[in-house]
C-alpha atoms as a PDB file:
ATOM      1  CA  GLN A   1     130.419 -51.289  94.405  1.00  0.00           C
ATOM      2  CA  VAL A   2     126.862 -50.285  95.144  1.00  0.00           C
ATOM      3  CA  GLN A   3     124.788 -52.912  96.922  1.00  0.00           C
ATOM      4  CA  LEU A   4     121.077 -52.876  97.625  1.00  0.00           C
ATOM      5  CA  GLN A   5     119.260 -54.865 100.281  1.00  0.00           C
ATOM      6  CA  GLU A   6     115.517 -55.165 100.741  1.00  0.00           C
ATOM      7  CA  SER A   7     113.983 -55.614 104.165  1.00  0.00           C
ATOM      8  CA  GLY A   8     110.479 -55.766 105.558  1.00  0.00           C
ATOM      9  CA  SER A   9     107.663 -58.054 106.482  1.00  0.00           C
ATOM     10  CA  GLY A  10     107.352 -61.256 104.535  1.00  0.00           C
ATOM     11  CA  LEU A  11     103.740 -61.782 105.521  1.00  0.00           C
ATOM     12  CA  VAL A  12     100.940 -59.258 105.120  1.00  0.00           C
ATOM     13  CA  LYS A  13      97.225 -59.717 105.613  1.00  0.00           C
ATOM     14  CA  PRO A  14      94.722 -58.696 102.933  1.00  0.00           C
ATOM     15  CA  SER A  15      93.639 -55.044 103.079  1.00  0.00           C
ATOM     16  CA  GLN A  16      96.776 -54.075 105.026  1.00  0.00           C
ATOM     17  CA  THR A  17      99.705 -52.006 103.784  1.00  0.00           C
ATOM     18  CA  LEU A  18     102.869 -53.680 102.579  1.00  0.00           C
ATOM     19  CA  SER A  19     106.010 -51.791 103.547  1.00  0.00           C
ATOM     20  CA  LEU A  20     109.532 -52.537 102.327  1.00  0.00           C
ATOM     21  CA  THR A  21     112.814 -50.698 102.730  1.00  0.00           C
ATOM     22  CA  CYS A  22     115.822 -50.767 100.444  1.00  0.00           C
ATOM     23  CA  THR A  23     119.144 -49.946 102.071  1.00  0.00           C
ATOM     24  CA  VAL A  24     121.890 -48.755  99.752  1.00  0.00           C
ATOM     25  CA  SER A  25     125.529 -49.335 100.625  1.00  0.00           C
ATOM     26  CA  GLY A  26     128.746 -48.560  98.818  1.00  0.00           C
ATOM     27  CA  GLY A  27     127.303 -45.387  97.376  1.00  0.00           C
ATOM     28  CA  SER A  28     125.012 -42.471  98.008  1.00  0.00           C
ATOM     29  CA  ILE A  29     121.314 -42.482  97.269  1.00  0.00           C
ATOM     30  CA  THR A  30     121.635 -38.827  96.296  1.00  0.00           C
ATOM     31  CA  THR A  31     124.453 -39.135  93.793  1.00  0.00           C
ATOM     32  CA  ASN A  32     125.014 -42.684  92.593  1.00  0.00           C
ATOM     33  CA  SER A  33     121.927 -43.114  90.483  1.00  0.00           C
ATOM     34  CA  TYR A  34     119.430 -40.860  88.823  1.00  0.00           C
ATOM     35  CA  TYR A  35     116.523 -42.926  90.075  1.00  0.00           C
ATOM     36  CA  TRP A  36     115.747 -45.833  92.368  1.00  0.00           C
ATOM     37  CA  SER A  37     113.078 -48.383  91.516  1.00  0.00           C
ATOM     38  CA  TRP A  38     110.867 -51.095  92.912  1.00  0.00           C
ATOM     39  CA  ILE A  39     110.087 -54.137  90.791  1.00  0.00           C
ATOM     40  CA  ARG A  40     108.203 -57.288  91.678  1.00  0.00           C
ATOM     41  CA  GLN A  41     107.749 -60.760  90.297  1.00  0.00           C
ATOM     42  CA  PRO A  42     104.577 -62.678  91.176  1.00  0.00           C
ATOM     43  CA  PRO A  43     104.866 -66.464  91.202  1.00  0.00           C
ATOM     44  CA  GLY A  44     104.928 -67.845  87.683  1.00  0.00           C
ATOM     45  CA  LYS A  45     104.884 -64.401  86.094  1.00  0.00           C
ATOM     46  CA  GLY A  46     107.338 -61.894  84.697  1.00  0.00           C
ATOM     47  CA  LEU A  47     108.910 -58.843  86.243  1.00  0.00           C
ATOM     48  CA  GLU A  48     106.622 -55.888  86.891  1.00  0.00           C
ATOM     49  CA  TRP A  49     107.958 -52.381  87.380  1.00  0.00           C
ATOM     50  CA  MET A  50     106.083 -50.660  90.181  1.00  0.00           C
ATOM     51  CA  GLY A  51     107.616 -47.230  90.377  1.00  0.00           C
ATOM     52  CA  ALA A  52     110.663 -45.129  91.068  1.00  0.00           C
ATOM     53  CA  ILE A  53     111.915 -42.109  92.930  1.00  0.00           C
ATOM     54  CA  ALA A  54     114.309 -39.716  91.291  1.00  0.00           C
ATOM     55  CA  ASN A  55     116.574 -36.978  92.531  1.00  0.00           C
ATOM     56  CA  GLY A  56     114.487 -34.121  93.799  1.00  0.00           C
ATOM     57  CA  ASP A  57     112.076 -36.725  95.206  1.00  0.00           C
ATOM     58  CA  ARG A  58     110.112 -36.910  91.994  1.00  0.00           C
ATOM     59  CA  THR A  59     108.113 -40.115  91.913  1.00  0.00           C
ATOM     60  CA  TYR A  60     106.814 -42.200  89.057  1.00  0.00           C
ATOM     61  CA  TYR A  61     104.299 -45.014  89.429  1.00  0.00           C
ATOM     62  CA  SER A  62     102.935 -47.746  87.265  1.00  0.00           C
ATOM     63  CA  PRO A  63      99.213 -47.275  86.705  1.00  0.00           C
ATOM     64  CA  SER A  64      98.655 -50.992  87.162  1.00  0.00           C
ATOM     65  CA  GLN A  65      98.609 -50.633  90.964  1.00  0.00           C
ATOM     66  CA  ARG A  66      95.723 -48.144  90.670  1.00  0.00           C
ATOM     67  CA  GLY A  67      97.172 -45.496  92.977  1.00  0.00           C
ATOM     68  CA  ARG A  68      98.054 -47.859  95.817  1.00  0.00           C
ATOM     69  CA  THR A  69     101.820 -47.311  95.592  1.00  0.00           C
ATOM     70  CA  SER A  70     103.932 -44.797  97.443  1.00  0.00           C
ATOM     71  CA  ILE A  71     107.723 -44.513  97.232  1.00  0.00           C
ATOM     72  CA  SER A  72     109.812 -42.261  99.426  1.00  0.00           C
ATOM     73  CA  ARG A  73     113.408 -41.967 100.504  1.00  0.00           C
ATOM     74  CA  ASP A  74     115.416 -41.089 103.596  1.00  0.00           C
ATOM     75  CA  THR A  75     118.716 -39.614 102.511  1.00  0.00           C
ATOM     76  CA  SER A  76     120.052 -39.584 106.078  1.00  0.00           C
ATOM     77  CA  LYS A  77     119.746 -43.375 106.181  1.00  0.00           C
ATOM     78  CA  ASN A  78     120.576 -43.965 102.508  1.00  0.00           C
ATOM     79  CA  GLN A  79     117.287 -45.820 102.136  1.00  0.00           C
ATOM     80  CA  PHE A  80     114.169 -45.714 100.025  1.00  0.00           C
ATOM     81  CA  THR A  81     110.867 -47.334 100.829  1.00  0.00           C
ATOM     82  CA  LEU A  82     107.864 -48.859  99.134  1.00  0.00           C
ATOM     83  CA  GLN A  83     104.372 -48.835 100.526  1.00  0.00           C
ATOM     84  CA  LEU A  84     101.554 -50.677  98.802  1.00  0.00           C
ATOM     85  CA  SER A  85      98.147 -50.228 100.355  1.00  0.00           C
ATOM     86  CA  SER A  86      95.028 -52.395 100.339  1.00  0.00           C
ATOM     87  CA  VAL A  87      96.944 -55.511  99.374  1.00  0.00           C
ATOM     88  CA  THR A  88      95.287 -58.654  98.079  1.00  0.00           C
ATOM     89  CA  PRO A  89      96.700 -62.149  97.508  1.00  0.00           C
ATOM     90  CA  GLU A  90      97.492 -61.010  93.935  1.00  0.00           C
ATOM     91  CA  ASP A  91     100.209 -58.806  95.456  1.00  0.00           C
ATOM     92  CA  THR A  92     102.127 -61.897  96.582  1.00  0.00           C
ATOM     93  CA  ALA A  93     105.505 -61.631  94.893  1.00  0.00           C
ATOM     94  CA  VAL A  94     109.228 -61.285  95.274  1.00  0.00           C
ATOM     95  CA  TYR A  95     109.911 -57.570  95.571  1.00  0.00           C
ATOM     96  CA  TYR A  96     113.182 -56.114  94.327  1.00  0.00           C
ATOM     97  CA  CYS A  97     114.787 -52.717  94.601  1.00  0.00           C
ATOM     98  CA  ALA A  98     117.159 -51.529  91.911  1.00  0.00           C
ATOM     99  CA  ASP A  99     119.090 -48.523  90.749  1.00  0.00           C
ATOM    100  CA  ALA A 100     119.339 -47.087  87.268  1.00  0.00           C
ATOM    101  CA  LEU A 101     122.763 -48.634  86.729  1.00  0.00           C
ATOM    102  CA  GLY A 102     121.619 -52.238  86.870  1.00  0.00           C
ATOM    103  CA  ASN A 103     122.288 -53.007  90.516  1.00  0.00           C
ATOM    104  CA  TRP A 104     119.545 -55.050  92.154  1.00  0.00           C
ATOM    105  CA  GLY A 105     118.831 -56.321  95.622  1.00  0.00           C
ATOM    106  CA  GLN A 106     118.432 -60.044  96.182  1.00  0.00           C
ATOM    107  CA  GLY A 107     114.687 -59.769  96.626  1.00  0.00           C
ATOM    108  CA  ASN A 108     112.207 -59.979  99.478  1.00  0.00           C
ATOM    109  CA  GLN A 109     109.428 -62.544  99.323  1.00  0.00           C
ATOM    110  CA  VAL A 110     106.092 -61.117 100.432  1.00  0.00           C
ATOM    111  CA  ASN A 111     103.059 -63.318 100.924  1.00  0.00           C
ATOM    112  CA  VAL A 112      99.621 -61.808 101.264  1.00  0.00           C
ATOM    113  CA  THR A 113      97.419 -64.209 103.116  1.00  0.00           C
ATOM    114  CA  SER A 114      94.957 -64.220 105.961  1.00  0.00           C
END
């Protein structure tokens, strides 16, 4: 069974870059899913899709982050990463990685605060 696990800093200062990694186990990032996504949930709000990376390293981003998002993958490590630049306290959220088959990580709380 495919499992996903987020990792990264839980505390980021405003204007810095948030960086998270999703490690995939029990399957291959190149074959098990057509695309791999990042989703977040701010406190008291609903889920927000941020973007995805597909086979061939094609990337898709939500326009709501205004070009601050970058998603990449390392096939040798079976990982994909999220970078969100110029963060503000409004970027405080639980960040999830997920595949196209409905498998999700358990989430990584990120707080943006000075």
